[in-house]
Protein backbone atom coordinates (compact mmCIF):
# COMPACT_ATOMS: atom_id res chain seq x y z
CA MET A 1 -0.70 11.77 -23.56
CA ILE A 2 0.63 9.79 -26.52
CA GLN A 3 -1.83 11.35 -28.94
CA ASP A 4 -0.71 14.88 -27.99
CA TRP A 5 3.01 14.18 -27.57
CA GLU A 6 5.38 16.74 -29.02
CA PHE A 7 8.95 15.64 -29.58
CA PRO A 8 11.51 17.42 -27.38
CA PRO A 9 13.98 19.72 -29.09
CA MET A 10 17.58 18.51 -29.22
CA SER A 11 19.54 20.00 -26.34
CA HIS A 12 22.93 19.27 -27.97
CA GLY A 13 24.50 18.97 -24.52
CA ARG A 14 23.59 22.53 -23.55
CA ILE A 15 24.53 23.30 -19.94
CA PRO A 16 21.78 25.15 -18.03
CA ASP A 17 22.40 28.89 -17.81
CA ILE A 18 22.08 29.30 -14.06
CA THR A 19 23.77 31.15 -11.21
CA ARG A 20 26.38 29.04 -9.46
CA GLY A 21 25.39 27.92 -6.00
CA SER A 22 27.58 27.87 -2.90
CA SER A 23 28.41 25.28 -0.26
CA ASP A 24 30.12 25.87 3.07
CA GLY A 25 30.42 29.55 2.14
CA LYS A 26 32.23 28.89 -1.15
CA ILE A 27 31.06 28.91 -4.78
CA VAL A 28 30.98 25.35 -6.12
CA LYS A 29 33.73 24.91 -8.69
CA GLY A 30 33.64 23.09 -12.02
CA ASP A 31 32.60 23.53 -15.65
CA PHE A 32 28.94 22.77 -14.86
CA PRO A 33 27.23 25.49 -12.74
CA LEU A 34 25.41 23.78 -9.88
CA ASP A 35 22.08 25.30 -8.88
CA GLN A 36 21.46 26.09 -5.21
CA VAL A 37 18.20 24.11 -5.34
CA VAL A 38 20.25 20.96 -6.00
CA ILE A 39 22.80 21.75 -3.30
CA GLU A 40 19.98 22.01 -0.78
CA ARG A 41 18.94 18.40 -1.53
CA PHE A 42 22.14 16.91 -0.12
CA PRO A 43 22.24 15.49 3.42
CA PRO A 44 22.82 18.06 6.19
CA GLY A 45 26.48 18.85 6.68
CA THR A 46 27.47 17.90 3.12
CA VAL A 47 30.14 20.09 1.54
CA VAL A 48 29.98 20.25 -2.26
CA HIS A 49 33.41 20.66 -3.85
CA SER A 50 32.79 20.55 -7.60
CA CYS A 51 30.37 19.80 -10.41
CA ASN A 52 31.69 18.87 -13.84
CA ARG A 53 30.12 17.84 -17.10
CA PHE A 54 30.22 14.07 -17.49
CA GLY A 55 28.29 13.27 -20.66
CA VAL A 56 25.39 14.07 -22.97
CA SER A 57 22.59 12.42 -24.87
CA GLU A 58 20.34 13.81 -27.56
CA TRP A 59 17.99 15.28 -24.96
CA THR A 60 19.93 15.54 -21.71
CA VAL A 61 23.22 16.71 -20.20
CA ILE A 62 24.93 14.92 -17.31
CA ALA A 63 27.30 16.01 -14.54
CA LYS A 64 29.33 14.37 -11.74
CA ILE A 65 29.26 16.08 -8.36
CA GLU A 66 32.05 15.64 -5.81
CA THR A 67 31.11 16.13 -2.16
CA MET A 68 32.25 15.43 1.40
CA LEU A 69 29.64 14.15 3.83
CA ALA A 70 29.35 15.34 7.42
CA ASN A 71 31.35 12.30 8.60
CA ASN A 72 34.23 13.30 6.25
CA GLU A 73 33.42 10.51 3.81
CA PRO A 74 33.82 11.49 0.12
CA LYS A 75 30.68 10.94 -1.91
CA LEU A 76 29.90 11.24 -5.65
CA TYR A 77 26.51 12.13 -7.11
CA PHE A 78 25.04 11.85 -10.61
CA LEU A 79 23.06 14.78 -12.03
CA LYS A 80 20.95 14.68 -15.21
CA CYS A 81 19.20 17.75 -16.66
CA ALA A 82 16.56 18.07 -19.38
CA GLU A 83 14.55 20.94 -20.81
CA TYR A 84 10.90 21.87 -21.42
CA GLU A 85 7.79 19.97 -20.35
CA GLN A 86 9.08 16.87 -22.11
CA GLY A 87 12.17 17.04 -19.92
CA ARG A 88 10.01 17.24 -16.81
CA ILE A 89 8.05 14.14 -17.80
CA MET A 90 11.24 12.31 -18.78
CA LEU A 91 13.11 12.96 -15.53
CA GLU A 92 10.13 12.58 -13.21
CA GLY A 93 9.40 9.24 -14.87
CA GLU A 94 13.02 8.18 -14.39
CA PHE A 95 13.04 9.31 -10.75
CA ARG A 96 9.78 7.50 -9.93
CA SER A 97 10.97 4.40 -11.80
CA MET A 98 14.32 4.30 -10.02
CA THR A 99 12.63 4.96 -6.68
CA GLU A 100 10.29 1.99 -7.10
CA LEU A 101 13.16 -0.24 -8.22
CA TYR A 102 15.33 0.85 -5.30
CA LYS A 103 12.58 0.04 -2.80
CA VAL A 104 12.54 -3.57 -3.98
CA ALA A 105 16.12 -4.09 -5.15
CA PRO A 106 18.55 -1.61 -3.54
CA ASN A 107 21.49 -3.74 -4.69
CA LEU A 108 20.47 -3.39 -8.34
CA VAL A 109 20.08 0.36 -8.96
CA PRO A 110 22.00 3.48 -7.86
CA LYS A 111 20.11 5.18 -5.04
CA PRO A 112 17.84 7.96 -6.38
CA HIS A 113 17.70 11.15 -4.31
CA ALA A 114 15.67 13.91 -5.90
CA PHE A 115 13.79 15.33 -8.87
CA GLY A 116 12.86 18.96 -9.36
CA GLN A 117 13.09 22.17 -11.38
CA LEU A 118 16.17 24.35 -11.67
CA ASN A 119 16.14 28.12 -11.20
CA VAL A 120 16.02 28.80 -14.93
CA SER A 121 12.97 29.65 -17.01
CA ASP A 122 14.28 29.96 -20.56
CA PRO A 123 13.91 27.16 -21.24
CA PRO A 124 12.41 25.58 -18.10
CA THR A 125 14.90 22.92 -17.01
CA TYR A 126 14.59 19.95 -14.67
CA TYR A 127 17.00 17.68 -12.85
CA PHE A 128 17.33 14.13 -11.52
CA LEU A 129 19.84 13.38 -8.77
CA SER A 130 21.17 9.97 -7.73
CA ASP A 131 24.28 8.22 -6.46
CA PHE A 132 27.17 8.14 -8.90
CA ILE A 133 28.76 4.76 -9.56
CA ASP A 134 31.94 4.52 -11.59
CA MET A 135 31.20 1.80 -14.14
CA SER A 136 33.79 -0.39 -15.83
CA SER A 137 33.69 -1.33 -19.52
CA GLU A 138 33.41 -5.08 -18.87
CA HIS A 139 30.34 -7.02 -19.89
CA PRO A 140 27.82 -7.60 -17.10
CA ASP A 141 28.05 -10.99 -15.43
CA PRO A 142 25.02 -12.95 -16.71
CA VAL A 143 24.41 -14.86 -13.49
CA GLN A 144 24.63 -11.84 -11.23
CA LEU A 145 22.47 -9.67 -13.50
CA CYS A 146 19.80 -12.31 -14.03
CA THR A 147 19.56 -13.48 -10.43
CA LYS A 148 19.10 -9.88 -9.32
CA LEU A 149 16.44 -9.34 -12.00
CA VAL A 150 14.62 -12.51 -11.02
CA ALA A 151 14.60 -11.41 -7.37
CA LEU A 152 13.11 -8.07 -8.48
CA HIS A 153 10.46 -9.69 -10.64
CA LYS A 154 9.47 -12.21 -7.97
CA SER A 155 9.37 -9.87 -4.97
CA SER A 156 7.82 -6.72 -6.46
CA VAL A 157 4.12 -6.19 -5.80
CA SER A 158 1.84 -4.03 -7.93
CA PRO A 159 -0.07 -1.58 -5.69
CA PHE A 160 -3.36 -2.37 -7.42
CA ASN A 161 -2.53 -5.88 -8.63
CA MET A 162 -2.71 -4.41 -12.12
CA PHE A 163 -0.37 -3.70 -15.02
CA GLY A 164 0.87 -0.15 -15.55
CA PHE A 165 2.54 2.64 -13.60
CA HIS A 166 1.45 5.61 -11.49
CA VAL A 167 3.20 8.30 -13.57
CA ASP A 168 3.99 8.74 -17.25
CA VAL A 169 7.32 7.23 -18.28
CA LEU A 170 9.45 7.73 -21.36
CA ARG A 171 11.65 5.21 -23.12
CA GLY A 172 14.18 7.39 -24.84
CA ASN A 173 12.32 10.54 -25.86
CA LEU A 174 8.91 8.94 -26.36
CA PRO A 175 6.18 7.98 -23.87
CA LEU A 176 4.88 4.51 -23.11
CA GLN A 177 1.18 3.76 -22.68
CA THR A 178 1.15 2.64 -19.04
CA LYS A 179 -2.41 3.31 -17.88
CA TRP A 180 -3.47 0.78 -15.24
CA ASN A 181 -5.24 -2.31 -16.57
CA PRO A 182 -6.13 -5.58 -14.78
CA SER A 183 -5.61 -7.62 -17.97
CA TRP A 184 -2.11 -8.19 -19.33
CA GLN A 185 -3.44 -8.89 -22.82
CA GLU A 186 -5.42 -5.65 -22.90
CA PHE A 187 -2.52 -3.68 -21.42
CA PHE A 188 -0.13 -5.03 -24.05
CA VAL A 189 -2.52 -4.19 -26.89
CA ASP A 190 -2.76 -0.59 -25.66
CA LEU A 191 1.03 -0.44 -25.27
CA PHE A 192 1.58 -1.72 -28.82
CA ARG A 193 -1.06 0.58 -30.32
CA GLY A 194 0.56 3.58 -28.67
CA THR A 195 3.93 2.50 -30.00
CA MET A 196 2.53 2.10 -33.50
CA PHE A 197 0.97 5.57 -33.35
CA LEU A 198 4.31 7.13 -32.42
CA ASP A 199 6.20 5.22 -35.10
CA GLN A 200 3.80 6.41 -37.81
CA LYS A 201 4.00 9.96 -36.47
CA VAL A 202 7.81 9.89 -36.67
CA ASN A 203 8.51 7.66 -39.65
CA GLY A 204 5.29 7.82 -41.66
CA ASP A 205 3.53 4.91 -43.32
CA TRP A 206 5.72 2.04 -44.45
CA LYS A 207 4.58 -0.71 -46.80
CA ASN A 208 1.66 -2.48 -45.11
CA LEU A 209 3.03 -2.21 -41.56
CA GLY A 210 -0.11 -0.60 -40.16
CA GLN A 211 -2.30 -3.36 -41.56
CA LEU A 212 0.05 -6.04 -40.26
CA VAL A 213 0.09 -4.57 -36.76
CA ASN A 214 -3.70 -4.38 -36.68
CA ARG A 215 -3.92 -8.04 -37.70
CA LEU A 216 -1.30 -8.91 -35.14
CA LEU A 217 -3.23 -7.23 -32.34
CA THR A 218 -6.65 -8.56 -33.31
CA ASP A 219 -5.75 -12.09 -34.47
CA VAL A 220 -2.34 -13.09 -33.11
CA VAL A 221 -2.27 -11.52 -29.65
CA PRO A 222 -5.35 -13.43 -28.40
CA GLN A 223 -3.77 -16.70 -29.54
CA VAL A 224 -0.38 -15.95 -28.01
CA LEU A 225 -1.28 -14.06 -24.82
CA GLY A 226 -4.79 -15.37 -24.22
CA PRO A 227 -3.56 -18.75 -22.90
CA LEU A 228 -1.58 -16.96 -20.17
CA GLU A 229 -4.89 -16.04 -18.56
CA ALA A 230 -6.91 -19.13 -19.48
CA ASP A 231 -7.68 -22.45 -17.76
CA GLY A 232 -7.20 -21.02 -14.30
CA ARG A 233 -3.85 -19.37 -15.11
CA SER A 234 -3.05 -15.74 -14.39
CA VAL A 235 -0.20 -13.32 -15.02
CA ARG A 236 1.36 -11.76 -11.95
CA PRO A 237 2.35 -8.09 -12.48
CA SER A 238 6.10 -7.67 -11.92
CA LEU A 239 8.00 -4.41 -11.75
CA ILE A 240 10.37 -4.24 -14.72
CA HIS A 241 13.13 -1.82 -15.68
CA GLY A 242 11.48 -1.30 -19.06
CA ASP A 243 14.47 -0.37 -21.23
CA LEU A 244 17.17 -2.89 -20.39
CA TRP A 245 19.47 -2.61 -23.40
CA GLN A 246 23.18 -3.02 -22.73
CA GLY A 247 23.75 0.75 -22.46
CA ASN A 248 21.60 0.80 -19.31
CA ILE A 249 23.56 -1.95 -17.54
CA GLY A 250 26.92 -1.43 -15.86
CA THR A 251 29.42 -3.01 -13.48
CA ASP A 252 30.85 -1.13 -10.51
CA SER A 253 34.57 -0.81 -11.22
CA LYS A 254 35.40 -1.13 -7.50
CA THR A 255 33.04 -3.84 -6.26
CA GLY A 256 32.10 -5.80 -9.39
CA GLU A 257 28.41 -5.35 -8.57
CA VAL A 258 26.07 -5.14 -11.56
CA TYR A 259 23.67 -2.17 -11.68
CA ILE A 260 20.88 -1.06 -13.99
CA PHE A 261 19.84 2.57 -14.52
CA ASP A 262 17.91 5.01 -16.76
CA ALA A 263 14.71 3.08 -16.10
CA SER A 264 11.29 3.34 -17.78
CA SER A 265 9.48 1.13 -15.32
CA TYR A 266 6.00 -0.32 -15.18
CA TYR A 267 4.33 -3.47 -13.89
CA ALA A 268 4.23 -6.09 -16.63
CA HIS A 269 4.49 -9.78 -17.43
CA HIS A 270 8.06 -10.50 -16.36
CA GLU A 271 8.96 -11.95 -19.79
CA MET A 272 8.49 -8.45 -21.23
CA GLU A 273 11.73 -7.39 -19.49
CA ILE A 274 13.92 -9.63 -21.66
CA ALA A 275 12.19 -8.87 -24.96
CA ILE A 276 14.82 -6.22 -25.66
CA TRP A 277 17.46 -8.97 -25.45
CA ARG A 278 16.37 -10.27 -28.84
CA PRO A 279 19.19 -11.72 -30.98
CA GLN A 280 21.21 -8.98 -32.64
CA PRO A 281 24.53 -9.23 -34.51
CA GLY A 282 27.36 -7.74 -32.47
CA SER A 283 25.20 -7.26 -29.39
CA ILE A 284 26.47 -8.78 -26.15
CA ILE A 285 23.10 -8.57 -24.44
CA GLY A 286 21.50 -10.10 -27.54
CA SER A 287 23.97 -12.98 -27.75
CA GLY A 288 21.51 -15.43 -26.19
CA ILE A 289 23.43 -16.16 -23.00
CA TYR A 290 21.49 -13.57 -21.00
CA VAL A 291 18.08 -14.90 -22.04
CA ASP A 292 19.20 -18.46 -21.32
CA THR A 293 20.58 -17.47 -17.92
CA TYR A 294 17.43 -15.56 -16.99
CA LEU A 295 15.26 -18.56 -17.89
CA LYS A 296 17.48 -20.79 -15.77
CA TYR A 297 16.40 -18.88 -12.68
CA MET A 298 12.94 -17.67 -13.76
CA ASP A 299 11.05 -20.37 -15.56
CA MET A 300 8.95 -19.67 -18.63
CA SER A 301 5.28 -18.94 -18.01
CA GLU A 302 2.74 -21.56 -18.98
CA PRO A 303 2.12 -22.59 -21.66
CA LYS A 304 5.90 -22.98 -22.03
CA GLU A 305 5.63 -24.10 -25.64
CA GLN A 306 4.45 -20.60 -26.56
CA PHE A 307 7.41 -18.80 -24.99
CA GLY A 308 9.11 -18.32 -28.36
CA ASP A 309 5.98 -16.74 -29.82
CA ARG A 310 5.59 -14.44 -26.81
CA HIS A 311 9.25 -13.43 -26.98
CA GLN A 312 8.91 -12.51 -30.66
CA LEU A 313 5.70 -10.59 -29.98
CA TYR A 314 7.18 -8.62 -27.10
CA SER A 315 10.36 -8.00 -29.10
CA ALA A 316 8.34 -6.60 -32.00
CA CYS A 317 6.84 -4.00 -29.66
CA THR A 318 10.22 -2.91 -28.29
CA ALA A 319 11.79 -2.80 -31.77
CA LEU A 320 8.97 -0.63 -33.11
CA HIS A 321 9.42 1.80 -30.22
CA ALA A 322 13.14 1.97 -31.03
CA ALA A 323 12.28 2.78 -34.65
CA ALA A 324 10.15 5.70 -33.50
CA CYS A 325 12.56 6.88 -30.83
CA HIS A 326 15.64 6.92 -33.07
CA ASN A 327 13.94 7.62 -36.41
CA ASN A 328 15.60 4.41 -37.61
CA LEU A 329 13.70 2.40 -40.16
CA SER A 330 16.00 -0.62 -39.73
CA PHE A 331 14.25 -1.45 -36.46
CA ARG A 332 11.03 -1.89 -38.45
CA GLU A 333 12.69 -4.64 -40.46
CA GLU A 334 13.21 -6.62 -37.26
């Protein structure tokens, strides 16, 4: 899929042009028309009161839905919409990712409910529906976040005892190479090569980056990742979020519980999860305390003396993907 990937057009926060649906005999109010196909996904007896625009990204538009459940309990839902085939892949990947995470760690992610297509054909538009959690602006508690992540990484089980994922997933607007592979080293090489292909497609050639990446994958990766699977050692596939920058972590304003969302999941070496927490000026998640806290509860893989090299290698892959995703050459410098 990576070789044929076409970049999605900017949606610029465009609200889908659809007919407003009804609930309990009344048209659903709000500045975001709610499709009947979404209304039909709510639990029986749910009354939908309103649907209002809540935010946008470069490729999606988001709404908050206010409802009343059959037991008269108020309930909020989160709705994300995206256009074209790229939007379908993006939101299906997010739904499948969040579903797998929720199965293992229901206290870590908002509950996902549905994925599907709206009743609009120009352009074809898709949706992802989940619980809505009102997030505060405070920094996530390192201990709570990391202990929940460690529990996820330790308890998740790959269905084939391999690395990868069962559907295509996107980080940002670009796909990840997540074809199943029994070898972590081979999986990572394919992941990095796919990332390099996308970066060159977006940003073009830059200095001798292509040559350096090829040398990295052929000469450095075997030295850094090979020992993980040598001398009787093995790497256990762990389900990871896959894009755990600080914008995808929040704290429930009512309960103080830390949640993660907007996932691009796959089964990986668990240390890959924290590669995106590389040191960055002005970044809370890159301040070092989160990596240190994670390693307090989830020890480094053997050989431990190569953890720093692995962290740099994994970070290089995530930074290069960010360069391609955001057309930002500064990430290449990292």
